[in-house]
Amino acid sequence: MKKEKVEETIPIRGMHCKSCANLIESKVKSLKGIEKIKVSLNENKAFVRFNPNEIDSDKIKSEIETLGYSTDEEKKSEVKSRNILQGVTYGLIPHIGCIAFIIGSVFGVTLLMQYFKPLLMNPYFFHILVLISLGFATLSSAVYLKRNGFLSSAGVKKKWKYLSTMYGSTIGINMLLFLVVFPLLANATISSSATGSFVSVSGSTSSIKLQVNIPCSGHAPLITQELKTINGVEDVKFNLPNIFDVKYDSAKTSKSQILSLDVFKTYKATVIDEAANQQLNSQITSQPVGGSCCGSGSCGGSSGGCGCGRVN
């Protein structure tokens, strides 16, 4: 029994230009049983009508693959997962150095601190890193579009979901770093001096709230670490977007000494609140002028003298 004509859409990957499409059309048209074929470069597909009594879909795909193209369609879920992973990678890689600096600061790795501190003193450091991450995403997208023949305005429109996933993931990981990771790391410490519950040995505690002109939260760990280098500063807490709560022993340091840090020459600090609280660590107790009596503690005999050891 003869079968009716069949129409099938075959996915094709690896086409770069119109010449690729023409080559495939020419090859498939020469096959016996092919009624019609139209290759779409923008959609990466071949629309084929053929006589199933003379040729089948597998034969057509095999002939296309002999030309160096693939006819296996990628699963959308796999493509999306790969795009997200690439976007996260491109967003994260430029910030690896900064994260290393922060971890080095927390654990006291002096070499990392000395190497990355000059970079963090540049107000535009994180702007550059964000641009680098977007540059990675753009380069990767351009390579993908060119490899699949979509490097054109029409191709960009066609692959907007791919591009949205790529750039969305890259921007998302940057937002996560600046809104969550860096603020958390700015408050991280393994130092026993900063416990979060301040108790002054000298009995005098003070606190100031600083507003520091940092471009973004990525610079917060630098400010925190610099404040903790001052003897007497016991605790530093960072709050978005640029507020630092500093508790210190006023017997060991002062507000003026804190504000004189070199880092504040680059990132200006303004005191927006301050408080002092005197705490006495000992109580003064008064005793009777005449002192205490010995023995039972009660005075006996006539008035005017203590009965203890009185000479008659």
Protein backbone atom coordinates (compact mmCIF):
# COMPACT_ATOMS: atom_id res chain seq x y z
CA MET A 1 0.00 0.00 0.00
CA LYS A 2 1.42 3.31 -1.05
CA LYS A 3 1.71 6.02 1.55
CA GLU A 4 0.72 9.62 0.93
CA LYS A 5 3.23 12.40 0.69
CA VAL A 6 4.78 13.38 4.06
CA GLU A 7 5.75 16.83 5.27
CA GLU A 8 8.35 17.07 8.01
CA THR A 9 10.35 19.79 9.74
CA ILE A 10 13.97 18.87 10.36
CA PRO A 11 16.08 20.92 12.83
CA ILE A 12 19.51 21.86 11.54
CA ARG A 13 22.39 23.18 13.62
CA GLY A 14 25.65 24.59 12.28
CA MET A 15 24.49 26.85 9.45
CA HIS A 16 26.35 30.16 9.28
CA CYS A 17 25.03 31.91 6.19
CA LYS A 18 22.73 31.72 3.20
CA SER A 19 25.26 29.60 1.35
CA CYS A 20 24.84 26.88 3.99
CA ALA A 21 21.08 26.87 3.43
CA ASN A 22 21.51 26.74 -0.36
CA LEU A 23 23.97 23.85 -0.07
CA ILE A 24 21.54 21.79 2.01
CA GLU A 25 18.63 22.52 -0.32
CA SER A 26 20.68 21.50 -3.35
CA LYS A 27 21.84 18.26 -1.73
CA VAL A 28 18.41 17.17 -0.51
CA LYS A 29 16.65 18.10 -3.80
CA SER A 30 18.91 15.68 -5.64
CA LEU A 31 17.59 12.77 -3.58
CA LYS A 32 14.98 10.49 -5.11
CA GLY A 33 11.56 10.93 -3.56
CA ILE A 34 11.99 14.58 -2.49
CA GLU A 35 9.04 16.68 -3.61
CA LYS A 36 10.03 20.00 -2.05
CA ILE A 37 12.51 21.45 0.46
CA LYS A 38 12.89 24.92 1.98
CA VAL A 39 15.68 25.68 4.42
CA SER A 40 15.17 28.58 6.86
CA LEU A 41 18.42 30.09 8.09
CA ASN A 42 16.69 32.22 10.76
CA GLU A 43 14.78 29.27 12.21
CA ASN A 44 17.56 26.71 11.71
CA LYS A 45 15.07 24.29 10.13
CA ALA A 46 14.37 22.50 6.86
CA PHE A 47 10.78 22.07 5.71
CA VAL A 48 10.64 18.93 3.56
CA ARG A 49 7.87 17.18 1.61
CA PHE A 50 8.77 13.71 0.35
CA ASN A 51 7.42 10.38 -0.86
CA PRO A 52 7.76 7.90 2.04
CA ASN A 53 7.67 5.02 -0.43
CA GLU A 54 11.00 6.15 -1.89
CA ILE A 55 12.81 7.84 1.00
CA ASP A 56 12.44 8.30 4.74
CA SER A 57 13.28 10.97 7.30
CA ASP A 58 16.41 9.18 8.57
CA LYS A 59 17.88 9.08 5.07
CA ILE A 60 17.29 12.82 4.59
CA LYS A 61 18.91 13.61 7.95
CA SER A 62 21.85 11.38 7.15
CA GLU A 63 22.48 13.21 3.87
CA ILE A 64 22.35 16.58 5.64
CA GLU A 65 24.83 15.37 8.25
CA THR A 66 27.28 14.28 5.55
CA LEU A 67 27.58 17.98 4.71
CA GLY A 68 28.81 18.72 8.25
CA TYR A 69 25.58 19.86 9.89
CA SER A 70 23.68 18.40 12.82
CA THR A 71 20.03 17.40 12.77
CA ASP A 72 19.67 16.71 16.52
CA GLU A 73 17.54 19.38 18.19
CA GLU A 74 18.77 20.54 21.56
CA LYS A 75 16.31 20.25 24.38
CA LYS A 76 15.12 23.67 25.47
CA SER A 77 15.57 22.80 29.15
CA GLU A 78 19.21 21.83 28.55
CA VAL A 79 19.87 25.00 26.57
CA LYS A 80 18.28 27.18 29.26
CA SER A 81 20.24 25.45 32.04
CA ARG A 82 23.48 25.95 30.13
CA ASN A 83 22.68 29.61 29.52
CA ILE A 84 21.95 30.19 33.21
CA LEU A 85 25.18 28.45 34.21
CA GLN A 86 27.15 30.57 31.75
CA GLY A 87 25.46 33.74 32.97
CA VAL A 88 26.26 32.91 36.60
CA THR A 89 29.85 32.11 35.66
CA TYR A 90 30.32 35.37 33.74
CA GLY A 91 28.78 37.34 36.60
CA LEU A 92 30.93 35.64 39.23
CA ILE A 93 34.38 35.35 37.63
CA PRO A 94 35.26 39.09 37.66
CA HIS A 95 34.50 39.26 41.40
CA ILE A 96 36.60 36.26 42.42
CA GLY A 97 39.51 38.53 43.34
CA CYS A 98 37.38 40.72 45.58
CA ILE A 99 35.86 37.73 47.33
CA ALA A 100 39.38 36.38 47.88
CA PHE A 101 40.37 39.71 49.46
CA ILE A 102 37.39 39.62 51.82
CA ILE A 103 38.04 36.03 52.87
CA GLY A 104 41.70 36.87 53.30
CA SER A 105 40.79 39.82 55.51
CA VAL A 106 38.49 37.73 57.68
CA PHE A 107 41.09 35.01 58.16
CA GLY A 108 44.04 37.37 58.37
CA VAL A 109 45.78 36.39 55.12
CA THR A 110 48.03 39.43 54.85
CA LEU A 111 49.25 38.75 51.29
CA LEU A 112 45.73 38.84 49.84
CA MET A 113 44.90 41.99 51.80
CA GLN A 114 48.00 43.81 50.58
CA TYR A 115 47.43 42.78 46.96
CA PHE A 116 43.77 43.69 46.61
CA LYS A 117 43.54 46.71 48.91
CA PRO A 118 44.96 49.14 46.29
CA LEU A 119 42.35 47.88 43.80
CA LEU A 120 39.51 48.43 46.26
CA MET A 121 40.76 51.97 46.86
CA ASN A 122 39.72 52.71 43.28
CA PRO A 123 36.12 54.04 43.42
CA TYR A 124 35.44 52.62 39.95
CA PHE A 125 36.80 49.14 40.67
CA PHE A 126 33.42 47.41 40.84
CA HIS A 127 32.04 49.35 37.89
CA ILE A 128 34.89 47.87 35.86
CA LEU A 129 34.16 44.35 37.15
CA VAL A 130 30.49 44.62 36.22
CA LEU A 131 31.44 45.79 32.71
CA ILE A 132 33.83 42.84 32.41
CA SER A 133 31.10 40.38 33.38
CA LEU A 134 28.72 41.90 30.82
CA GLY A 135 31.56 41.79 28.27
CA PHE A 136 31.98 38.05 28.84
CA ALA A 137 28.23 37.54 28.35
CA THR A 138 28.26 39.64 25.16
CA LEU A 139 31.24 37.78 23.69
CA SER A 140 29.69 34.40 24.45
CA SER A 141 26.36 35.47 22.94
CA ALA A 142 28.05 36.80 19.81
CA VAL A 143 29.92 33.51 19.31
CA TYR A 144 26.71 31.54 19.75
CA LEU A 145 24.75 33.74 17.33
CA LYS A 146 27.51 33.64 14.72
CA ARG A 147 27.91 29.86 14.98
CA ASN A 148 24.19 29.36 14.45
CA GLY A 149 23.76 32.00 11.74
CA PHE A 150 21.82 34.51 13.85
CA LEU A 151 24.37 37.31 14.06
CA SER A 152 21.99 39.93 12.68
CA SER A 153 19.20 42.15 13.94
CA ALA A 154 16.66 39.57 12.78
CA GLY A 155 18.63 36.80 14.48
CA VAL A 156 18.80 38.75 17.74
CA LYS A 157 15.02 39.15 17.68
CA LYS A 158 14.66 35.46 17.01
CA LYS A 159 16.94 34.47 19.88
CA TRP A 160 15.71 37.01 22.44
CA LYS A 161 14.93 34.27 24.95
CA TYR A 162 18.50 33.01 24.78
CA LEU A 163 19.90 36.51 25.21
CA SER A 164 17.46 37.31 28.04
CA THR A 165 18.54 34.20 29.93
CA MET A 166 22.22 34.96 29.43
CA TYR A 167 22.12 38.64 30.44
CA GLY A 168 19.48 38.04 33.12
CA SER A 169 21.68 35.46 34.84
CA THR A 170 24.76 37.68 34.61
CA ILE A 171 22.97 40.71 36.04
CA GLY A 172 21.24 38.56 38.66
CA ILE A 173 24.50 37.20 40.07
CA ASN A 174 25.89 40.75 40.27
CA MET A 175 22.81 41.89 42.19
CA LEU A 176 23.15 38.93 44.54
CA LEU A 177 26.77 39.83 45.26
CA PHE A 178 26.10 43.50 45.95
CA LEU A 179 22.84 43.12 47.89
CA VAL A 180 23.57 39.94 49.86
CA VAL A 181 27.09 38.49 49.66
CA PHE A 182 29.22 41.61 50.13
CA PRO A 183 27.11 43.02 53.02
CA LEU A 184 27.31 39.65 54.80
CA LEU A 185 31.06 39.42 54.28
CA ALA A 186 31.49 42.99 55.52
CA ASN A 187 30.09 41.88 58.87
CA ALA A 188 31.89 38.53 58.96
CA THR A 189 34.74 38.08 61.40
CA ILE A 190 36.58 35.36 63.27
CA SER A 191 38.25 37.90 65.53
CA SER A 192 37.55 37.43 69.24
CA SER A 193 37.66 41.19 69.79
CA ALA A 194 34.46 41.85 67.88
CA THR A 195 31.74 39.89 69.60
CA GLY A 196 28.74 41.99 68.73
CA SER A 197 27.97 42.61 72.43
CA PHE A 198 30.37 45.30 73.54
CA VAL A 199 31.64 45.47 77.12
CA SER A 200 34.27 48.07 77.91
CA VAL A 201 37.04 47.18 80.33
CA SER A 202 37.67 50.80 81.24
CA GLY A 203 33.97 51.43 81.87
CA SER A 204 33.56 53.97 79.07
CA THR A 205 31.78 53.01 75.83
CA SER A 206 30.94 55.19 72.88
CA SER A 207 29.40 54.63 69.49
CA ILE A 208 29.18 56.58 66.27
CA LYS A 209 27.16 56.03 63.13
CA LEU A 210 29.15 56.82 59.99
CA GLN A 211 27.82 57.48 56.52
CA VAL A 212 30.69 56.62 54.17
CA ASN A 213 30.68 57.74 50.55
CA ILE A 214 31.35 54.32 49.00
CA PRO A 215 30.13 53.70 45.43
CA CYS A 216 28.66 50.29 46.31
CA SER A 217 28.56 47.64 49.01
CA GLY A 218 31.57 45.92 47.48
CA HIS A 219 33.78 48.47 49.25
CA ALA A 220 32.12 47.86 52.65
CA PRO A 221 34.47 45.02 53.70
CA LEU A 222 37.45 47.31 53.10
CA ILE A 223 35.98 50.01 55.37
CA THR A 224 35.15 47.45 58.06
CA GLN A 225 38.64 45.96 58.06
CA GLU A 226 40.29 49.38 58.18
CA LEU A 227 38.16 50.45 61.17
CA LYS A 228 39.10 47.29 63.04
CA THR A 229 42.80 48.11 62.74
CA ILE A 230 42.31 50.88 65.32
CA ASN A 231 43.08 49.84 68.90
CA GLY A 232 39.90 50.41 70.85
CA VAL A 233 37.42 49.78 68.07
CA GLU A 234 35.52 46.74 69.30
CA ASP A 235 32.67 46.25 66.84
CA VAL A 236 31.68 47.41 63.36
CA LYS A 237 28.36 46.66 61.70
CA PHE A 238 27.56 47.56 58.10
CA ASN A 239 24.05 48.38 56.92
CA LEU A 240 23.01 49.07 53.33
CA PRO A 241 23.63 51.27 51.51
CA ASN A 242 26.60 52.95 53.23
CA ILE A 243 26.08 53.09 57.01
CA PHE A 244 28.63 51.80 59.55
CA ASP A 245 27.84 51.49 63.27
CA VAL A 246 31.11 51.68 65.21
CA LYS A 247 31.45 50.85 68.91
CA TYR A 248 34.69 51.76 70.62
CA ASP A 249 36.38 52.26 73.98
CA SER A 250 36.78 56.02 74.38
CA ALA A 251 39.63 55.44 76.80
CA LYS A 252 41.68 53.88 74.00
CA THR A 253 40.64 55.83 70.91
CA SER A 254 38.50 58.78 69.87
CA LYS A 255 36.13 59.91 67.17
CA SER A 256 38.79 62.13 65.61
CA GLN A 257 41.24 59.24 65.44
CA ILE A 258 38.65 57.05 63.73
CA LEU A 259 37.84 59.74 61.19
CA SER A 260 41.55 60.25 60.45
CA LEU A 261 41.90 56.85 58.76
CA ASP A 262 43.56 57.06 55.34
CA VAL A 263 40.67 55.19 53.73
CA PHE A 264 38.38 58.13 54.54
CA LYS A 265 40.53 60.39 52.37
CA THR A 266 39.19 58.45 49.38
CA TYR A 267 35.76 57.58 50.77
CA LYS A 268 34.58 60.51 52.86
CA ALA A 269 32.96 59.64 56.20
CA THR A 270 30.33 61.78 57.92
CA VAL A 271 29.14 61.28 61.50
CA ILE A 272 25.34 61.19 61.47
CA ASP A 273 24.83 60.01 65.06
CA GLU A 274 26.89 59.43 68.19
CA ALA A 275 26.32 58.37 71.76
CA ALA A 276 28.33 57.85 74.95
CA ASN A 277 27.46 55.84 78.02
CA GLN A 278 29.50 55.85 81.22
CA GLN A 279 29.53 52.55 83.08
CA LEU A 280 31.08 52.17 86.54
CA ASN A 281 32.75 48.87 87.14
CA SER A 282 33.00 49.30 90.92
CA GLN A 283 30.88 50.86 93.63
CA ILE A 284 32.22 53.27 96.27
CA THR A 285 31.05 52.29 99.73
CA SER A 286 31.30 54.59 102.75
CA GLN A 287 32.35 53.41 106.20
CA PRO A 288 31.72 54.98 109.69
CA VAL A 289 34.29 57.58 110.65
CA GLY A 290 35.14 55.79 113.85
CA GLY A 291 35.74 52.53 112.14
CA SER A 292 34.26 49.18 113.18
CA CYS A 293 34.27 47.63 116.57
CA CYS A 294 35.92 44.38 117.31
CA GLY A 295 34.40 41.39 119.01
CA SER A 296 30.66 41.42 118.89
CA GLY A 297 30.68 44.78 117.14
CA SER A 298 28.75 46.53 119.94
CA CYS A 299 30.09 49.29 122.05
CA GLY A 300 29.74 48.95 125.83
CA GLY A 301 30.46 50.98 128.95
CA SER A 302 29.91 54.68 129.36
CA SER A 303 29.27 57.03 126.53
CA GLY A 304 32.14 58.58 124.66
CA GLY A 305 34.20 55.53 123.93
CA CYS A 306 34.18 52.09 122.44
CA GLY A 307 34.09 49.23 124.85
CA CYS A 308 36.57 47.22 122.84
CA GLY A 309 39.94 47.17 124.51
CA ARG A 310 39.09 50.15 126.74
CA VAL A 311 41.56 50.78 129.55
CA ASN A 312 39.89 51.43 132.87
